Amino acid sequence: GVCSNHICDMSVGDDVLITGPTGAEMLLPTDPEANIIMLATGTGIAPMRSYLRLLFHDKAGADGDGRKFKGLAWLFMGVPYSKSLLYDDEHQTYKKEFPDQFRYDYAVSRED
């Protein structure tokens, strides 16, 4: 991407300014019935995986015999090749175990 090209054009010893989002940009809604739409490409799936684990897997998201989250989580993922579908097994499990609460769609752009 843009950052990769920028880094490739740098020389050893060049200064690099690194900043990131701060504050509440990446928080889940507090409403347990909210619908959540997530978009990810490649390794950008990492924060989405963390959310999904909280919503559908981890003890922190449990509520008695069920889950605290009652809404719909919909993940769209784009990758160049199907072998790049990171954590696909987890997504398929959530889709099977929570069919009314989890949707998973992906696009593969350069499959051979």
C-alpha atoms as a PDB file:
ATOM      1  CA  GLY A   1       0.000   0.000   0.000  1.00  0.00           C
ATOM      2  CA  VAL A   2       0.892   3.652   0.289  1.00  0.00           C
ATOM      3  CA  CYS A   3       2.862   3.167   3.498  1.00  0.00           C
ATOM      4  CA  SER A   4       4.845   0.241   2.071  1.00  0.00           C
ATOM      5  CA  ASN A   5       5.915   2.357  -0.904  1.00  0.00           C
ATOM      6  CA  HIS A   6       6.859   5.230   1.386  1.00  0.00           C
ATOM      7  CA  ILE A   7       9.014   2.957   3.552  1.00  0.00           C
ATOM      8  CA  CYS A   8      10.663   1.354   0.514  1.00  0.00           C
ATOM      9  CA  ASP A   9      11.701   4.821  -0.698  1.00  0.00           C
ATOM     10  CA  MET A  10      13.330   5.711   2.620  1.00  0.00           C
ATOM     11  CA  SER A  11      16.999   5.501   3.419  1.00  0.00           C
ATOM     12  CA  VAL A  12      18.674   4.055   6.488  1.00  0.00           C
ATOM     13  CA  GLY A  13      18.702   6.741   9.179  1.00  0.00           C
ATOM     14  CA  ASP A  14      15.654   8.657   7.891  1.00  0.00           C
ATOM     15  CA  ASP A  15      13.345   9.919  10.611  1.00  0.00           C
ATOM     16  CA  VAL A  16       9.863   8.407  10.732  1.00  0.00           C
ATOM     17  CA  LEU A  17       6.893  10.043  12.429  1.00  0.00           C
ATOM     18  CA  ILE A  18       4.446   7.424  13.647  1.00  0.00           C
ATOM     19  CA  THR A  19       1.015   8.379  14.948  1.00  0.00           C
ATOM     20  CA  GLY A  20      -2.170   6.463  15.353  1.00  0.00           C
ATOM     21  CA  PRO A  21      -5.750   6.873  16.269  1.00  0.00           C
ATOM     22  CA  THR A  22      -6.361   7.836  19.867  1.00  0.00           C
ATOM     23  CA  GLY A  23      -9.529   8.007  21.843  1.00  0.00           C
ATOM     24  CA  ALA A  24     -12.747   6.178  21.025  1.00  0.00           C
ATOM     25  CA  GLU A  25     -12.316   5.366  17.333  1.00  0.00           C
ATOM     26  CA  MET A  26     -12.216   1.618  17.826  1.00  0.00           C
ATOM     27  CA  LEU A  27     -14.723   0.878  20.568  1.00  0.00           C
ATOM     28  CA  LEU A  28     -17.747  -1.360  20.284  1.00  0.00           C
ATOM     29  CA  PRO A  29     -21.132   0.243  20.902  1.00  0.00           C
ATOM     30  CA  THR A  30     -22.462  -0.022  24.449  1.00  0.00           C
ATOM     31  CA  ASP A  31     -25.922  -1.078  23.221  1.00  0.00           C
ATOM     32  CA  PRO A  32     -25.932  -4.921  23.264  1.00  0.00           C
ATOM     33  CA  GLU A  33     -28.555  -4.911  20.465  1.00  0.00           C
ATOM     34  CA  ALA A  34     -26.556  -2.676  18.126  1.00  0.00           C
ATOM     35  CA  ASN A  35     -25.695  -3.888  14.649  1.00  0.00           C
ATOM     36  CA  ILE A  36     -21.981  -3.818  13.874  1.00  0.00           C
ATOM     37  CA  ILE A  37     -20.531  -3.722  10.361  1.00  0.00           C
ATOM     38  CA  MET A  38     -16.809  -4.477  10.081  1.00  0.00           C
ATOM     39  CA  LEU A  39     -14.590  -4.033   7.010  1.00  0.00           C
ATOM     40  CA  ALA A  40     -11.126  -5.566   6.843  1.00  0.00           C
ATOM     41  CA  THR A  41      -8.419  -6.420   4.360  1.00  0.00           C
ATOM     42  CA  GLY A  42      -5.565  -8.805   5.059  1.00  0.00           C
ATOM     43  CA  THR A  43      -3.935  -8.268   8.441  1.00  0.00           C
ATOM     44  CA  GLY A  44      -6.454  -5.473   9.091  1.00  0.00           C
ATOM     45  CA  ILE A  45      -8.596  -8.295  10.420  1.00  0.00           C
ATOM     46  CA  ALA A  46      -6.724  -8.186  13.762  1.00  0.00           C
ATOM     47  CA  PRO A  47      -8.944  -5.666  15.610  1.00  0.00           C
ATOM     48  CA  MET A  48     -12.071  -7.233  14.101  1.00  0.00           C
ATOM     49  CA  ARG A  49     -10.963 -10.640  15.359  1.00  0.00           C
ATOM     50  CA  SER A  50     -10.640  -9.206  18.838  1.00  0.00           C
ATOM     51  CA  TYR A  51     -14.194  -7.825  18.668  1.00  0.00           C
ATOM     52  CA  LEU A  52     -15.593 -11.102  17.346  1.00  0.00           C
ATOM     53  CA  ARG A  53     -13.879 -13.105  20.060  1.00  0.00           C
ATOM     54  CA  LEU A  54     -15.414 -10.815  22.683  1.00  0.00           C
ATOM     55  CA  LEU A  55     -18.859 -11.010  21.094  1.00  0.00           C
ATOM     56  CA  PHE A  56     -18.950 -14.753  20.382  1.00  0.00           C
ATOM     57  CA  HIS A  57     -16.178 -16.616  22.194  1.00  0.00           C
ATOM     58  CA  ASP A  58     -14.495 -15.147  25.275  1.00  0.00           C
ATOM     59  CA  LYS A  59     -15.815 -15.446  28.831  1.00  0.00           C
ATOM     60  CA  ALA A  60     -15.942 -11.634  29.071  1.00  0.00           C
ATOM     61  CA  GLY A  61     -18.787 -11.649  26.525  1.00  0.00           C
ATOM     62  CA  ALA A  62     -20.762 -14.403  28.237  1.00  0.00           C
ATOM     63  CA  ASP A  63     -24.052 -13.775  30.008  1.00  0.00           C
ATOM     64  CA  GLY A  64     -25.211 -16.856  31.879  1.00  0.00           C
ATOM     65  CA  ASP A  65     -25.870 -19.537  29.251  1.00  0.00           C
ATOM     66  CA  GLY A  66     -25.821 -17.015  26.394  1.00  0.00           C
ATOM     67  CA  ARG A  67     -23.931 -13.989  25.158  1.00  0.00           C
ATOM     68  CA  LYS A  68     -24.267 -10.319  26.172  1.00  0.00           C
ATOM     69  CA  PHE A  69     -24.308  -9.259  22.517  1.00  0.00           C
ATOM     70  CA  LYS A  70     -27.786  -9.573  20.988  1.00  0.00           C
ATOM     71  CA  GLY A  71     -27.324  -7.636  17.732  1.00  0.00           C
ATOM     72  CA  LEU A  72     -25.892  -8.543  14.328  1.00  0.00           C
ATOM     73  CA  ALA A  73     -22.166  -8.479  13.563  1.00  0.00           C
ATOM     74  CA  TRP A  74     -21.400  -8.456   9.845  1.00  0.00           C
ATOM     75  CA  LEU A  75     -17.837  -8.870   8.629  1.00  0.00           C
ATOM     76  CA  PHE A  76     -16.729  -7.981   5.100  1.00  0.00           C
ATOM     77  CA  MET A  77     -13.184  -9.074   4.285  1.00  0.00           C
ATOM     78  CA  GLY A  78     -11.112  -8.529   1.173  1.00  0.00           C
ATOM     79  CA  VAL A  79      -7.995 -10.511   0.300  1.00  0.00           C
ATOM     80  CA  PRO A  80      -5.971 -11.162  -2.854  1.00  0.00           C
ATOM     81  CA  TYR A  81      -6.049 -14.966  -2.539  1.00  0.00           C
ATOM     82  CA  SER A  82      -8.293 -17.373  -0.659  1.00  0.00           C
ATOM     83  CA  LYS A  83      -5.252 -18.676   1.238  1.00  0.00           C
ATOM     84  CA  SER A  84      -5.061 -15.163   2.725  1.00  0.00           C
ATOM     85  CA  LEU A  85      -8.400 -15.517   4.527  1.00  0.00           C
ATOM     86  CA  LEU A  86      -6.982 -15.260   8.023  1.00  0.00           C
ATOM     87  CA  TYR A  87      -9.005 -16.876  10.828  1.00  0.00           C
ATOM     88  CA  ASP A  88     -11.528 -18.251   8.332  1.00  0.00           C
ATOM     89  CA  ASP A  89     -12.087 -21.297  10.563  1.00  0.00           C
ATOM     90  CA  GLU A  90     -13.133 -19.030  13.429  1.00  0.00           C
ATOM     91  CA  HIS A  91     -15.486 -17.065  11.178  1.00  0.00           C
ATOM     92  CA  GLN A  92     -17.089 -20.248   9.888  1.00  0.00           C
ATOM     93  CA  THR A  93     -17.588 -21.429  13.492  1.00  0.00           C
ATOM     94  CA  TYR A  94     -19.286 -18.155  14.478  1.00  0.00           C
ATOM     95  CA  LYS A  95     -21.463 -18.380  11.368  1.00  0.00           C
ATOM     96  CA  LYS A  96     -22.514 -21.918  12.333  1.00  0.00           C
ATOM     97  CA  GLU A  97     -23.011 -21.268  16.056  1.00  0.00           C
ATOM     98  CA  PHE A  98     -24.623 -17.807  15.752  1.00  0.00           C
ATOM     99  CA  PRO A  99     -26.441 -17.834  12.379  1.00  0.00           C
ATOM    100  CA  ASP A 100     -28.825 -15.023  13.343  1.00  0.00           C
ATOM    101  CA  GLN A 101     -26.081 -12.826  14.751  1.00  0.00           C
ATOM    102  CA  PHE A 102     -23.063 -13.242  12.490  1.00  0.00           C
ATOM    103  CA  ARG A 103     -22.657 -12.744   8.764  1.00  0.00           C
ATOM    104  CA  TYR A 104     -19.401 -13.155   6.894  1.00  0.00           C
ATOM    105  CA  ASP A 105     -18.781 -12.080   3.316  1.00  0.00           C
ATOM    106  CA  TYR A 106     -15.433 -11.926   1.589  1.00  0.00           C
ATOM    107  CA  ALA A 107     -14.007 -10.899  -1.751  1.00  0.00           C
ATOM    108  CA  VAL A 108     -10.980 -12.524  -3.364  1.00  0.00           C
ATOM    109  CA  SER A 109      -9.372 -10.252  -5.949  1.00  0.00           C
ATOM    110  CA  ARG A 110      -6.531 -12.239  -7.569  1.00  0.00           C
ATOM    111  CA  GLU A 111      -7.288 -15.930  -7.296  1.00  0.00           C
ATOM    112  CA  ASP A 112      -5.360 -18.047  -9.797  1.00  0.00           C
END
